[in-house]
Amino acid sequence: MAARFLAGGHVADVNDLLFNVIGAVLGLGLFSALAQIPLLAAVVERFRWR
């Protein structure tokens, strides 16, 4: 009963994993590309962990 309330009735499958990995790779690539623009690079550098 708890699994029904906590999981929302959805079972994760291979497609979920695949699309999450693809989305993460595309997001990282877009972030890396945009961070090359000088104005955005300054913003990224301000919030970078040291």
Protein backbone atom coordinates (compact mmCIF):
# COMPACT_ATOMS: atom_id res chain seq x y z
CA MET A 1 0.00 0.00 0.00
CA ALA A 2 2.83 2.44 0.84
CA ALA A 3 4.50 1.77 -2.52
CA ARG A 4 1.36 2.88 -4.30
CA PHE A 5 1.35 6.23 -2.51
CA LEU A 6 5.10 6.83 -2.64
CA ALA A 7 5.75 5.68 -6.21
CA GLY A 8 2.71 7.32 -7.76
CA GLY A 9 1.71 4.08 -9.48
CA HIS A 10 4.52 4.31 -12.02
CA VAL A 11 7.11 1.63 -12.55
CA ALA A 12 10.43 2.83 -13.97
CA ASP A 13 11.59 0.94 -17.03
CA VAL A 14 14.50 0.95 -19.46
CA ASN A 15 13.04 3.86 -21.44
CA ASP A 16 13.03 6.06 -18.33
CA LEU A 17 16.67 5.27 -17.66
CA LEU A 18 17.65 5.80 -21.30
CA PHE A 19 15.89 9.15 -21.63
CA ASN A 20 17.26 10.38 -18.28
CA VAL A 21 20.81 9.56 -19.37
CA ILE A 22 20.31 11.16 -22.79
CA GLY A 23 18.80 14.26 -21.16
CA ALA A 24 21.70 14.56 -18.73
CA VAL A 25 24.27 14.26 -21.54
CA LEU A 26 22.47 16.85 -23.68
CA GLY A 27 22.05 19.19 -20.71
CA LEU A 28 25.72 18.96 -19.78
CA GLY A 29 26.72 19.55 -23.41
CA LEU A 30 24.45 22.60 -23.68
CA PHE A 31 25.71 23.96 -20.36
CA SER A 32 29.33 23.46 -21.44
CA ALA A 33 28.71 25.18 -24.76
CA LEU A 34 26.93 28.14 -23.18
CA ALA A 35 29.63 28.47 -20.53
CA GLN A 36 32.07 29.35 -23.33
CA ILE A 37 30.26 32.68 -23.89
CA PRO A 38 32.20 35.29 -21.88
CA LEU A 39 29.19 36.82 -20.11
CA LEU A 40 27.81 33.43 -19.09
CA ALA A 41 31.28 32.16 -18.21
CA ALA A 42 31.53 34.92 -15.61
CA VAL A 43 28.24 33.79 -14.05
CA VAL A 44 29.34 30.15 -14.03
CA GLU A 45 32.67 31.11 -12.47
CA ARG A 46 30.90 33.06 -9.73
CA PHE A 47 28.95 30.00 -8.60
CA ARG A 48 31.69 27.42 -9.14
CA TRP A 49 32.71 25.32 -6.14
CA ARG A 50 36.31 25.72 -5.17
